[in-house]
Amino acid sequence: MVPALQLSADYRKALAVTQPAASQPAAATPSPKVEDRHPATQQIMRHFGFGHLHPELAAVSREFHDFAHRLLTLCHDGPEFTVALRRILEAKDAAVRSAVEQLTGK
């Protein structure tokens, strides 16, 4: 059995400040334009397109596209955000390769 995670009082307080109350719906965050972001962010984001893919592969790739775009509303540009996007891109590439193998039986 896994022991319960113990959160410090300071961490619980920080969560309370950053998390909306359960009874209040979260405010809609406008989707930022990729063109308004740092050049490194723009460069990585262009690799999340999926319109050129076979429909079965596009369905896999779209999940990563949508996640990366959601992160644009949550994170500021910077080295760690670039690393996060690169890792998501690597995961997307691996997932699409896995789907190719499943489709082709190889």
C-alpha atoms as a PDB file:
ATOM      1  CA  MET A   1       0.000   0.000   0.000  1.00  0.00           C
ATOM      2  CA  VAL A   2       1.288   3.462  -0.934  1.00  0.00           C
ATOM      3  CA  PRO A   3       1.455   5.910   1.987  1.00  0.00           C
ATOM      4  CA  ALA A   4      -0.718   9.006   1.730  1.00  0.00           C
ATOM      5  CA  LEU A   5       1.043  12.093   0.453  1.00  0.00           C
ATOM      6  CA  GLN A   6       1.560  14.643   3.204  1.00  0.00           C
ATOM      7  CA  LEU A   7       1.411  18.231   1.982  1.00  0.00           C
ATOM      8  CA  SER A   8       2.978  21.000   3.993  1.00  0.00           C
ATOM      9  CA  ALA A   9       0.766  23.799   5.286  1.00  0.00           C
ATOM     10  CA  ASP A  10       2.580  26.274   3.012  1.00  0.00           C
ATOM     11  CA  TYR A  11       1.972  24.101  -0.039  1.00  0.00           C
ATOM     12  CA  ARG A  12      -1.715  23.670   0.835  1.00  0.00           C
ATOM     13  CA  LYS A  13      -1.999  27.456   1.238  1.00  0.00           C
ATOM     14  CA  ALA A  14      -0.360  28.028  -2.166  1.00  0.00           C
ATOM     15  CA  LEU A  15      -2.761  25.558  -3.774  1.00  0.00           C
ATOM     16  CA  ALA A  16      -5.722  27.323  -2.211  1.00  0.00           C
ATOM     17  CA  VAL A  17      -4.578  30.619  -3.710  1.00  0.00           C
ATOM     18  CA  THR A  18      -3.951  29.261  -7.202  1.00  0.00           C
ATOM     19  CA  GLN A  19      -6.875  26.860  -7.493  1.00  0.00           C
ATOM     20  CA  PRO A  20     -10.410  28.152  -8.144  1.00  0.00           C
ATOM     21  CA  ALA A  21     -12.996  27.079  -5.614  1.00  0.00           C
ATOM     22  CA  ALA A  22     -14.893  23.951  -6.663  1.00  0.00           C
ATOM     23  CA  SER A  23     -18.186  25.849  -6.689  1.00  0.00           C
ATOM     24  CA  GLN A  24     -16.797  28.554  -8.986  1.00  0.00           C
ATOM     25  CA  PRO A  25     -16.208  27.756 -12.646  1.00  0.00           C
ATOM     26  CA  ALA A  26     -12.733  28.586 -13.871  1.00  0.00           C
ATOM     27  CA  ALA A  27     -12.601  31.694 -16.027  1.00  0.00           C
ATOM     28  CA  ALA A  28     -11.998  31.025 -19.696  1.00  0.00           C
ATOM     29  CA  THR A  29      -8.467  31.914 -20.686  1.00  0.00           C
ATOM     30  CA  PRO A  30      -8.140  33.335 -24.175  1.00  0.00           C
ATOM     31  CA  SER A  31      -6.025  31.190 -26.448  1.00  0.00           C
ATOM     32  CA  PRO A  32      -2.745  32.995 -27.074  1.00  0.00           C
ATOM     33  CA  LYS A  33      -1.462  33.388 -30.598  1.00  0.00           C
ATOM     34  CA  VAL A  34       1.651  31.396 -31.333  1.00  0.00           C
ATOM     35  CA  GLU A  35       2.881  34.340 -33.421  1.00  0.00           C
ATOM     36  CA  ASP A  36       3.038  36.462 -30.245  1.00  0.00           C
ATOM     37  CA  ARG A  37       5.348  34.033 -28.462  1.00  0.00           C
ATOM     38  CA  HIS A  38       9.124  33.741 -28.272  1.00  0.00           C
ATOM     39  CA  PRO A  39      10.782  32.510 -31.507  1.00  0.00           C
ATOM     40  CA  ALA A  40      11.861  29.257 -29.806  1.00  0.00           C
ATOM     41  CA  THR A  41       8.244  28.572 -28.797  1.00  0.00           C
ATOM     42  CA  GLN A  42       7.033  29.370 -32.311  1.00  0.00           C
ATOM     43  CA  GLN A  43       9.607  27.035 -33.834  1.00  0.00           C
ATOM     44  CA  ILE A  44       8.615  24.057 -31.685  1.00  0.00           C
ATOM     45  CA  MET A  45       4.868  24.686 -31.933  1.00  0.00           C
ATOM     46  CA  ARG A  46       4.945  24.374 -35.727  1.00  0.00           C
ATOM     47  CA  HIS A  47       5.832  20.682 -35.297  1.00  0.00           C
ATOM     48  CA  PHE A  48       2.494  19.933 -33.616  1.00  0.00           C
ATOM     49  CA  GLY A  49       0.519  20.183 -36.875  1.00  0.00           C
ATOM     50  CA  PHE A  50      -1.381  17.061 -37.855  1.00  0.00           C
ATOM     51  CA  GLY A  51      -3.391  17.951 -40.984  1.00  0.00           C
ATOM     52  CA  HIS A  52      -0.919  16.135 -43.240  1.00  0.00           C
ATOM     53  CA  LEU A  53      -1.301  12.816 -41.415  1.00  0.00           C
ATOM     54  CA  HIS A  54      -3.488   9.796 -42.117  1.00  0.00           C
ATOM     55  CA  PRO A  55      -6.711  10.128 -40.048  1.00  0.00           C
ATOM     56  CA  GLU A  56      -5.736   7.425 -37.539  1.00  0.00           C
ATOM     57  CA  LEU A  57      -2.345   9.042 -37.008  1.00  0.00           C
ATOM     58  CA  ALA A  58      -3.842  12.534 -36.897  1.00  0.00           C
ATOM     59  CA  ALA A  59      -6.117  11.445 -34.044  1.00  0.00           C
ATOM     60  CA  VAL A  60      -3.046  10.498 -31.995  1.00  0.00           C
ATOM     61  CA  SER A  61      -1.093  13.615 -32.943  1.00  0.00           C
ATOM     62  CA  ARG A  62      -4.032  15.942 -32.237  1.00  0.00           C
ATOM     63  CA  GLU A  63      -4.011  15.019 -28.550  1.00  0.00           C
ATOM     64  CA  PHE A  64      -0.454  16.343 -28.234  1.00  0.00           C
ATOM     65  CA  HIS A  65      -1.296  19.401 -30.350  1.00  0.00           C
ATOM     66  CA  ASP A  66      -4.193  20.273 -28.071  1.00  0.00           C
ATOM     67  CA  PHE A  67      -2.120  19.731 -24.928  1.00  0.00           C
ATOM     68  CA  ALA A  68       0.715  21.940 -26.198  1.00  0.00           C
ATOM     69  CA  HIS A  69      -1.763  24.686 -27.059  1.00  0.00           C
ATOM     70  CA  ARG A  70      -3.379  24.448 -23.613  1.00  0.00           C
ATOM     71  CA  LEU A  71       0.056  24.910 -22.061  1.00  0.00           C
ATOM     72  CA  LEU A  72       0.438  28.151 -24.016  1.00  0.00           C
ATOM     73  CA  THR A  73      -2.327  29.573 -21.828  1.00  0.00           C
ATOM     74  CA  LEU A  74      -0.676  28.370 -18.619  1.00  0.00           C
ATOM     75  CA  CYS A  75       3.060  28.916 -19.045  1.00  0.00           C
ATOM     76  CA  HIS A  76       5.335  31.801 -19.897  1.00  0.00           C
ATOM     77  CA  ASP A  77       8.087  31.510 -22.471  1.00  0.00           C
ATOM     78  CA  GLY A  78      11.471  30.557 -21.134  1.00  0.00           C
ATOM     79  CA  PRO A  79      14.033  27.782 -21.145  1.00  0.00           C
ATOM     80  CA  GLU A  80      11.970  25.365 -19.043  1.00  0.00           C
ATOM     81  CA  PHE A  81       8.864  25.892 -21.183  1.00  0.00           C
ATOM     82  CA  THR A  82      10.935  25.198 -24.296  1.00  0.00           C
ATOM     83  CA  VAL A  83      12.169  21.969 -22.696  1.00  0.00           C
ATOM     84  CA  ALA A  84       8.590  21.015 -21.776  1.00  0.00           C
ATOM     85  CA  LEU A  85       7.399  21.554 -25.352  1.00  0.00           C
ATOM     86  CA  ARG A  86      10.355  19.600 -26.736  1.00  0.00           C
ATOM     87  CA  ARG A  87       9.566  16.647 -24.454  1.00  0.00           C
ATOM     88  CA  ILE A  88       5.904  16.724 -25.491  1.00  0.00           C
ATOM     89  CA  LEU A  89       7.043  16.785 -29.116  1.00  0.00           C
ATOM     90  CA  GLU A  90       9.280  13.760 -28.504  1.00  0.00           C
ATOM     91  CA  ALA A  91       6.369  11.930 -26.876  1.00  0.00           C
ATOM     92  CA  LYS A  92       4.101  12.827 -29.793  1.00  0.00           C
ATOM     93  CA  ASP A  93       6.635  11.495 -32.287  1.00  0.00           C
ATOM     94  CA  ALA A  94       6.942   8.224 -30.368  1.00  0.00           C
ATOM     95  CA  ALA A  95       3.166   7.845 -30.077  1.00  0.00           C
ATOM     96  CA  VAL A  96       2.688   8.443 -33.804  1.00  0.00           C
ATOM     97  CA  ARG A  97       5.426   5.905 -34.594  1.00  0.00           C
ATOM     98  CA  SER A  98       3.651   3.429 -32.336  1.00  0.00           C
ATOM     99  CA  ALA A  99       0.391   4.060 -34.184  1.00  0.00           C
ATOM    100  CA  VAL A 100       2.186   3.539 -37.521  1.00  0.00           C
ATOM    101  CA  GLU A 101       3.442   0.176 -36.288  1.00  0.00           C
ATOM    102  CA  GLN A 102      -0.052  -0.758 -35.155  1.00  0.00           C
ATOM    103  CA  LEU A 103      -1.559   0.249 -38.531  1.00  0.00           C
ATOM    104  CA  THR A 104       1.062  -1.523 -40.613  1.00  0.00           C
ATOM    105  CA  GLY A 105       1.446  -4.547 -38.362  1.00  0.00           C
ATOM    106  CA  LYS A 106       5.211  -4.066 -38.188  1.00  0.00           C
END
